[in-house]
Amino acid sequence: MDQRVILLERLALAERRVAEGTRQINHQYRLIAELERDGHDTTDAINRVIEFLETQELRLHDRDLLRVELEEFQD
């Protein structure tokens, strides 16, 4: 298979993972707000969003590396 096609497929997967991560993070923030509003402990929910944010940083880094690799490949 063409290396460019492989890079494009990997980039598309990375973009989907970033989008899913964003959805998870937004959902978790909404959950934290609901828990706070209802007077519940938010410790676990906050710890989880921190984990989501750390994972998202890795996803973004991987996606950005793929973008650079694709640009270099096209030159």
PDB file of N, CA and C in Angstrom:
ATOM      1  N   MET A   1       0.853  -1.180   0.000  1.00  0.00           N
ATOM      2  CA  MET A   1       0.000   0.000   0.000  1.00  0.00           C
ATOM      3  C   MET A   1       0.895   1.238   0.000  1.00  0.00           C
ATOM      4  N   ASP A   2       0.442   2.277  -0.643  1.00  0.00           N
ATOM      5  CA  ASP A   2       1.154   3.546  -0.742  1.00  0.00           C
ATOM      6  C   ASP A   2       1.365   4.150   0.651  1.00  0.00           C
ATOM      7  N   GLN A   3       2.601   4.573   0.929  1.00  0.00           N
ATOM      8  CA  GLN A   3       2.928   5.145   2.237  1.00  0.00           C
ATOM      9  C   GLN A   3       2.054   6.350   2.565  1.00  0.00           C
ATOM     10  N   ARG A   4       1.748   7.171   1.569  1.00  0.00           N
ATOM     11  CA  ARG A   4       0.894   8.343   1.790  1.00  0.00           C
ATOM     12  C   ARG A   4      -0.502   7.926   2.237  1.00  0.00           C
ATOM     13  N   VAL A   5      -1.039   6.886   1.633  1.00  0.00           N
ATOM     14  CA  VAL A   5      -2.368   6.392   1.989  1.00  0.00           C
ATOM     15  C   VAL A   5      -2.360   5.879   3.432  1.00  0.00           C
ATOM     16  N   ILE A   6      -1.307   5.173   3.791  1.00  0.00           N
ATOM     17  CA  ILE A   6      -1.188   4.666   5.160  1.00  0.00           C
ATOM     18  C   ILE A   6      -1.152   5.829   6.150  1.00  0.00           C
ATOM     19  N   LEU A   7      -0.366   6.855   5.842  1.00  0.00           N
ATOM     20  CA  LEU A   7      -0.298   8.022   6.720  1.00  0.00           C
ATOM     21  C   LEU A   7      -1.651   8.705   6.836  1.00  0.00           C
ATOM     22  N   LEU A   8      -2.359   8.826   5.724  1.00  0.00           N
ATOM     23  CA  LEU A   8      -3.684   9.452   5.753  1.00  0.00           C
ATOM     24  C   LEU A   8      -4.660   8.641   6.608  1.00  0.00           C
ATOM     25  N   GLU A   9      -4.594   7.323   6.511  1.00  0.00           N
ATOM     26  CA  GLU A   9      -5.468   6.476   7.324  1.00  0.00           C
ATOM     27  C   GLU A   9      -5.119   6.599   8.808  1.00  0.00           C
ATOM     28  N   ARG A  10      -3.843   6.609   9.115  1.00  0.00           N
ATOM     29  CA  ARG A  10      -3.422   6.760  10.509  1.00  0.00           C
ATOM     30  C   ARG A  10      -3.825   8.131  11.060  1.00  0.00           C
ATOM     31  N   LEU A  11      -3.707   9.158  10.219  1.00  0.00           N
ATOM     32  CA  LEU A  11      -4.110  10.499  10.632  1.00  0.00           C
ATOM     33  C   LEU A  11      -5.616  10.559  10.869  1.00  0.00           C
ATOM     34  N   ALA A  12      -6.383   9.941  10.004  1.00  0.00           N
ATOM     35  CA  ALA A  12      -7.843   9.929  10.178  1.00  0.00           C
ATOM     36  C   ALA A  12      -8.213   9.241  11.492  1.00  0.00           C
ATOM     37  N   LEU A  13      -7.543   8.135  11.814  1.00  0.00           N
ATOM     38  CA  LEU A  13      -7.796   7.445  13.074  1.00  0.00           C
ATOM     39  C   LEU A  13      -7.412   8.331  14.254  1.00  0.00           C
ATOM     40  N   ALA A  14      -6.286   8.996  14.157  1.00  0.00           N
ATOM     41  CA  ALA A  14      -5.844   9.898  15.226  1.00  0.00           C
ATOM     42  C   ALA A  14      -6.843  11.035  15.424  1.00  0.00           C
ATOM     43  N   GLU A  15      -7.360  11.579  14.335  1.00  0.00           N
ATOM     44  CA  GLU A  15      -8.350  12.658  14.429  1.00  0.00           C
ATOM     45  C   GLU A  15      -9.622  12.167  15.110  1.00  0.00           C
ATOM     46  N   ARG A  16     -10.044  10.935  14.792  1.00  0.00           N
ATOM     47  CA  ARG A  16     -11.238  10.373  15.442  1.00  0.00           C
ATOM     48  C   ARG A  16     -10.998  10.192  16.938  1.00  0.00           C
ATOM     49  N   ARG A  17      -9.797   9.756  17.296  1.00  0.00           N
ATOM     50  CA  ARG A  17      -9.478   9.568  18.710  1.00  0.00           C
ATOM     51  C   ARG A  17      -9.448  10.897  19.457  1.00  0.00           C
ATOM     52  N   VAL A  18      -8.932  11.935  18.822  1.00  0.00           N
ATOM     53  CA  VAL A  18      -8.928  13.262  19.437  1.00  0.00           C
ATOM     54  C   VAL A  18     -10.364  13.743  19.630  1.00  0.00           C
ATOM     55  N   ALA A  19     -11.195  13.552  18.624  1.00  0.00           N
ATOM     56  CA  ALA A  19     -12.594  13.977  18.724  1.00  0.00           C
ATOM     57  C   ALA A  19     -13.311  13.214  19.840  1.00  0.00           C
ATOM     58  N   GLU A  20     -13.085  11.912  19.936  1.00  0.00           N
ATOM     59  CA  GLU A  20     -13.705  11.119  20.992  1.00  0.00           C
ATOM     60  C   GLU A  20     -13.202  11.571  22.359  1.00  0.00           C
ATOM     61  N   GLY A  21     -11.927  11.857  22.459  1.00  0.00           N
ATOM     62  CA  GLY A  21     -11.377  12.361  23.712  1.00  0.00           C
ATOM     63  C   GLY A  21     -12.013  13.668  24.123  1.00  0.00           C
ATOM     64  N   THR A  22     -12.234  14.540  23.172  1.00  0.00           N
ATOM     65  CA  THR A  22     -12.887  15.825  23.453  1.00  0.00           C
ATOM     66  C   THR A  22     -14.298  15.597  23.970  1.00  0.00           C
ATOM     67  N   ARG A  23     -15.007  14.658  23.360  1.00  0.00           N
ATOM     68  CA  ARG A  23     -16.369  14.339  23.828  1.00  0.00           C
ATOM     69  C   ARG A  23     -16.338  13.799  25.262  1.00  0.00           C
ATOM     70  N   GLN A  24     -15.387  12.910  25.543  1.00  0.00           N
ATOM     71  CA  GLN A  24     -15.277  12.354  26.895  1.00  0.00           C
ATOM     72  C   GLN A  24     -14.989  13.449  27.919  1.00  0.00           C
ATOM     73  N   ILE A  25     -14.076  14.333  27.581  1.00  0.00           N
ATOM     74  CA  ILE A  25     -13.701  15.412  28.494  1.00  0.00           C
ATOM     75  C   ILE A  25     -14.896  16.327  28.748  1.00  0.00           C
ATOM     76  N   ASN A  26     -15.579  16.715  27.699  1.00  0.00           N
ATOM     77  CA  ASN A  26     -16.746  17.586  27.856  1.00  0.00           C
ATOM     78  C   ASN A  26     -17.830  16.923  28.695  1.00  0.00           C
ATOM     79  N   HIS A  27     -18.049  15.641  28.458  1.00  0.00           N
ATOM     80  CA  HIS A  27     -19.041  14.905  29.246  1.00  0.00           C
ATOM     81  C   HIS A  27     -18.637  14.888  30.721  1.00  0.00           C
ATOM     82  N   GLN A  28     -17.357  14.651  30.969  1.00  0.00           N
ATOM     83  CA  GLN A  28     -16.894  14.579  32.354  1.00  0.00           C
ATOM     84  C   GLN A  28     -17.054  15.923  33.048  1.00  0.00           C
ATOM     85  N   TYR A  29     -16.767  17.020  32.339  1.00  0.00           N
ATOM     86  CA  TYR A  29     -16.969  18.350  32.934  1.00  0.00           C
ATOM     87  C   TYR A  29     -18.446  18.587  33.266  1.00  0.00           C
ATOM     88  N   ARG A  30     -19.337  18.140  32.381  1.00  0.00           N
ATOM     89  CA  ARG A  30     -20.774  18.274  32.666  1.00  0.00           C
ATOM     90  C   ARG A  30     -21.157  17.445  33.888  1.00  0.00           C
ATOM     91  N   LEU A  31     -20.592  16.243  33.989  1.00  0.00           N
ATOM     92  CA  LEU A  31     -20.863  15.387  35.137  1.00  0.00           C
ATOM     93  C   LEU A  31     -20.378  16.043  36.433  1.00  0.00           C
ATOM     94  N   ILE A  32     -19.202  16.616  36.396  1.00  0.00           N
ATOM     95  CA  ILE A  32     -18.672  17.297  37.584  1.00  0.00           C
ATOM     96  C   ILE A  32     -19.600  18.436  37.996  1.00  0.00           C
ATOM     97  N   ALA A  33     -20.053  19.204  37.021  1.00  0.00           N
ATOM     98  CA  ALA A  33     -20.966  20.316  37.324  1.00  0.00           C
ATOM     99  C   ALA A  33     -22.253  19.802  37.967  1.00  0.00           C
ATOM    100  N   GLU A  34     -22.795  18.705  37.439  1.00  0.00           N
ATOM    101  CA  GLU A  34     -24.016  18.133  38.012  1.00  0.00           C
ATOM    102  C   GLU A  34     -23.776  17.650  39.434  1.00  0.00           C
ATOM    103  N   LEU A  35     -22.662  16.964  39.642  1.00  0.00           N
ATOM    104  CA  LEU A  35     -22.345  16.471  40.984  1.00  0.00           C
ATOM    105  C   LEU A  35     -22.201  17.625  41.969  1.00  0.00           C
ATOM    106  N   GLU A  36     -21.500  18.663  41.542  1.00  0.00           N
ATOM    107  CA  GLU A  36     -21.335  19.836  42.415  1.00  0.00           C
ATOM    108  C   GLU A  36     -22.680  20.477  42.720  1.00  0.00           C
ATOM    109  N   ARG A  37     -23.493  20.628  41.693  1.00  0.00           N
ATOM    110  CA  ARG A  37     -24.813  21.244  41.861  1.00  0.00           C
ATOM    111  C   ARG A  37     -25.658  20.475  42.863  1.00  0.00           C
ATOM    112  N   ASP A  38     -25.542  19.144  42.812  1.00  0.00           N
ATOM    113  CA  ASP A  38     -26.355  18.302  43.689  1.00  0.00           C
ATOM    114  C   ASP A  38     -25.684  18.017  45.033  1.00  0.00           C
ATOM    115  N   GLY A  39     -24.529  18.626  45.273  1.00  0.00           N
ATOM    116  CA  GLY A  39     -23.862  18.492  46.561  1.00  0.00           C
ATOM    117  C   GLY A  39     -23.099  17.198  46.772  1.00  0.00           C
ATOM    118  N   HIS A  40     -22.726  16.526  45.686  1.00  0.00           N
ATOM    119  CA  HIS A  40     -21.997  15.259  45.799  1.00  0.00           C
ATOM    120  C   HIS A  40     -20.488  15.479  45.756  1.00  0.00           C
ATOM    121  N   ASP A  41     -19.759  14.496  46.235  1.00  0.00           N
ATOM    122  CA  ASP A  41     -18.300  14.509  46.181  1.00  0.00           C
ATOM    123  C   ASP A  41     -17.849  14.387  44.720  1.00  0.00           C
ATOM    124  N   THR A  42     -16.948  15.247  44.313  1.00  0.00           N
ATOM    125  CA  THR A  42     -16.491  15.256  42.923  1.00  0.00           C
ATOM    126  C   THR A  42     -15.061  14.736  42.766  1.00  0.00           C
ATOM    127  N   THR A  43     -14.486  14.233  43.840  1.00  0.00           N
ATOM    128  CA  THR A  43     -13.083  13.815  43.810  1.00  0.00           C
ATOM    129  C   THR A  43     -12.800  12.810  42.697  1.00  0.00           C
ATOM    130  N   ASP A  44     -13.572  11.747  42.637  1.00  0.00           N
ATOM    131  CA  ASP A  44     -13.343  10.722  41.615  1.00  0.00           C
ATOM    132  C   ASP A  44     -13.556  11.272  40.204  1.00  0.00           C
ATOM    133  N   ALA A  45     -14.575  12.069  40.036  1.00  0.00           N
ATOM    134  CA  ALA A  45     -14.869  12.640  38.722  1.00  0.00           C
ATOM    135  C   ALA A  45     -13.757  13.587  38.280  1.00  0.00           C
ATOM    136  N   ILE A  46     -13.216  14.348  39.216  1.00  0.00           N
ATOM    137  CA  ILE A  46     -12.116  15.262  38.889  1.00  0.00           C
ATOM    138  C   ILE A  46     -10.861  14.464  38.547  1.00  0.00           C
ATOM    139  N   ASN A  47     -10.584  13.424  39.312  1.00  0.00           N
ATOM    140  CA  ASN A  47      -9.427  12.581  38.993  1.00  0.00           C
ATOM    141  C   ASN A  47      -9.559  11.950  37.620  1.00  0.00           C
ATOM    142  N   ARG A  48     -10.763  11.556  37.270  1.00  0.00           N
ATOM    143  CA  ARG A  48     -10.985  10.957  35.953  1.00  0.00           C
ATOM    144  C   ARG A  48     -10.773  11.973  34.842  1.00  0.00           C
ATOM    145  N   VAL A  49     -11.252  13.203  35.015  1.00  0.00           N
ATOM    146  CA  VAL A  49     -11.056  14.198  33.952  1.00  0.00           C
ATOM    147  C   VAL A  49      -9.576  14.533  33.814  1.00  0.00           C
ATOM    148  N   ILE A  50      -8.845  14.491  34.903  1.00  0.00           N
ATOM    149  CA  ILE A  50      -7.400  14.705  34.812  1.00  0.00           C
ATOM    150  C   ILE A  50      -6.760  13.606  33.960  1.00  0.00           C
ATOM    151  N   GLU A  51      -7.177  12.367  34.182  1.00  0.00           N
ATOM    152  CA  GLU A  51      -6.677  11.258  33.365  1.00  0.00           C
ATOM    153  C   GLU A  51      -7.055  11.453  31.897  1.00  0.00           C
ATOM    154  N   PHE A  52      -8.291  11.867  31.660  1.00  0.00           N
ATOM    155  CA  PHE A  52      -8.729  12.115  30.285  1.00  0.00           C
ATOM    156  C   PHE A  52      -7.879  13.198  29.631  1.00  0.00           C
ATOM    157  N   LEU A  53      -7.587  14.256  30.366  1.00  0.00           N
ATOM    158  CA  LEU A  53      -6.780  15.352  29.826  1.00  0.00           C
ATOM    159  C   LEU A  53      -5.364  14.897  29.507  1.00  0.00           C
ATOM    160  N   GLU A  54      -4.797  14.071  30.368  1.00  0.00           N
ATOM    161  CA  GLU A  54      -3.450  13.546  30.108  1.00  0.00           C
ATOM    162  C   GLU A  54      -3.443  12.659  28.864  1.00  0.00           C
ATOM    163  N   THR A  55      -4.451  11.822  28.744  1.00  0.00           N
ATOM    164  CA  THR A  55      -4.560  10.966  27.568  1.00  0.00           C
ATOM    165  C   THR A  55      -4.764  11.802  26.309  1.00  0.00           C
ATOM    166  N   GLN A  56      -5.559  12.849  26.429  1.00  0.00           N
ATOM    167  CA  GLN A  56      -5.811  13.708  25.281  1.00  0.00           C
ATOM    168  C   GLN A  56      -4.524  14.379  24.807  1.00  0.00           C
ATOM    169  N   GLU A  57      -3.664  14.770  25.734  1.00  0.00           N
ATOM    170  CA  GLU A  57      -2.375  15.359  25.357  1.00  0.00           C
ATOM    171  C   GLU A  57      -1.568  14.384  24.509  1.00  0.00           C
ATOM    172  N   LEU A  58      -1.582  13.116  24.889  1.00  0.00           N
ATOM    173  CA  LEU A  58      -0.875  12.104  24.108  1.00  0.00           C
ATOM    174  C   LEU A  58      -1.497  11.933  22.731  1.00  0.00           C
ATOM    175  N   ARG A  59      -2.809  11.930  22.684  1.00  0.00           N
ATOM    176  CA  ARG A  59      -3.496  11.814  21.388  1.00  0.00           C
ATOM    177  C   ARG A  59      -3.156  12.987  20.475  1.00  0.00           C
ATOM    178  N   LEU A  60      -3.168  14.178  21.045  1.00  0.00           N
ATOM    179  CA  LEU A  60      -2.853  15.369  20.257  1.00  0.00           C
ATOM    180  C   LEU A  60      -1.412  15.330  19.758  1.00  0.00           C
ATOM    181  N   HIS A  61      -0.522  14.892  20.612  1.00  0.00           N
ATOM    182  CA  HIS A  61       0.886  14.782  20.226  1.00  0.00           C
ATOM    183  C   HIS A  61       1.050  13.796  19.067  1.00  0.00           C
ATOM    184  N   ASP A  62       0.423  12.627  19.185  1.00  0.00           N
ATOM    185  CA  ASP A  62       0.496  11.627  18.119  1.00  0.00           C
ATOM    186  C   ASP A  62      -0.080  12.174  16.816  1.00  0.00           C
ATOM    187  N   ARG A  63      -1.225  12.844  16.913  1.00  0.00           N
ATOM    188  CA  ARG A  63      -1.839  13.422  15.719  1.00  0.00           C
ATOM    189  C   ARG A  63      -0.930  14.451  15.074  1.00  0.00           C
ATOM    190  N   ASP A  64      -0.331  15.295  15.891  1.00  0.00           N
ATOM    191  CA  ASP A  64       0.546  16.340  15.360  1.00  0.00           C
ATOM    192  C   ASP A  64       1.787  15.742  14.699  1.00  0.00           C
ATOM    193  N   LEU A  65       2.323  14.680  15.275  1.00  0.00           N
ATOM    194  CA  LEU A  65       3.465  14.002  14.647  1.00  0.00           C
ATOM    195  C   LEU A  65       3.090  13.430  13.285  1.00  0.00           C
ATOM    196  N   LEU A  66       1.909  12.856  13.202  1.00  0.00           N
ATOM    197  CA  LEU A  66       1.445  12.328  11.918  1.00  0.00           C
ATOM    198  C   LEU A  66       1.269  13.437  10.891  1.00  0.00           C
ATOM    199  N   ARG A  67       0.775  14.574  11.316  1.00  0.00           N
ATOM    200  CA  ARG A  67       0.621  15.709  10.396  1.00  0.00           C
ATOM    201  C   ARG A  67       1.977  16.146   9.852  1.00  0.00           C
ATOM    202  N   VAL A  68       2.960  16.222  10.732  1.00  0.00           N
ATOM    203  CA  VAL A  68       4.309  16.618  10.300  1.00  0.00           C
ATOM    204  C   VAL A  68       4.870  15.576   9.347  1.00  0.00           C
ATOM    205  N   GLU A  69       4.705  14.318   9.693  1.00  0.00           N
ATOM    206  CA  GLU A  69       5.207  13.244   8.837  1.00  0.00           C
ATOM    207  C   GLU A  69       4.558  13.296   7.455  1.00  0.00           C
ATOM    208  N   LEU A  70       3.285  13.559   7.413  1.00  0.00           N
ATOM    209  CA  LEU A  70       2.581  13.649   6.136  1.00  0.00           C
ATOM    210  C   LEU A  70       3.078  14.853   5.338  1.00  0.00           C
ATOM    211  N   GLU A  71       3.278  15.977   5.985  1.00  0.00           N
ATOM    212  CA  GLU A  71       3.813  17.158   5.294  1.00  0.00           C
ATOM    213  C   GLU A  71       5.175  16.866   4.712  1.00  0.00           C
ATOM    214  N   GLU A  72       6.037  16.231   5.488  1.00  0.00           N
ATOM    215  CA  GLU A  72       7.388  15.896   5.020  1.00  0.00           C
ATOM    216  C   GLU A  72       7.319  14.918   3.856  1.00  0.00           C
ATOM    217  N   PHE A  73       6.396  13.993   3.911  1.00  0.00           N
ATOM    218  CA  PHE A  73       6.232  13.009   2.859  1.00  0.00           C
ATOM    219  C   PHE A  73       5.799  13.674   1.553  1.00  0.00           C
ATOM    220  N   GLN A  74       4.979  14.703   1.654  1.00  0.00           N
ATOM    221  CA  GLN A  74       4.447  15.372   0.457  1.00  0.00           C
ATOM    222  C   GLN A  74       5.467  16.301  -0.186  1.00  0.00           C
ATOM    223  N   ASP A  75       6.469  16.709   0.573  1.00  0.00           N
ATOM    224  CA  ASP A  75       7.479  17.633   0.022  1.00  0.00           C
ATOM    225  C   ASP A  75       8.363  16.963  -1.000  1.00  0.00           C
TER     226      ASP A  75
END
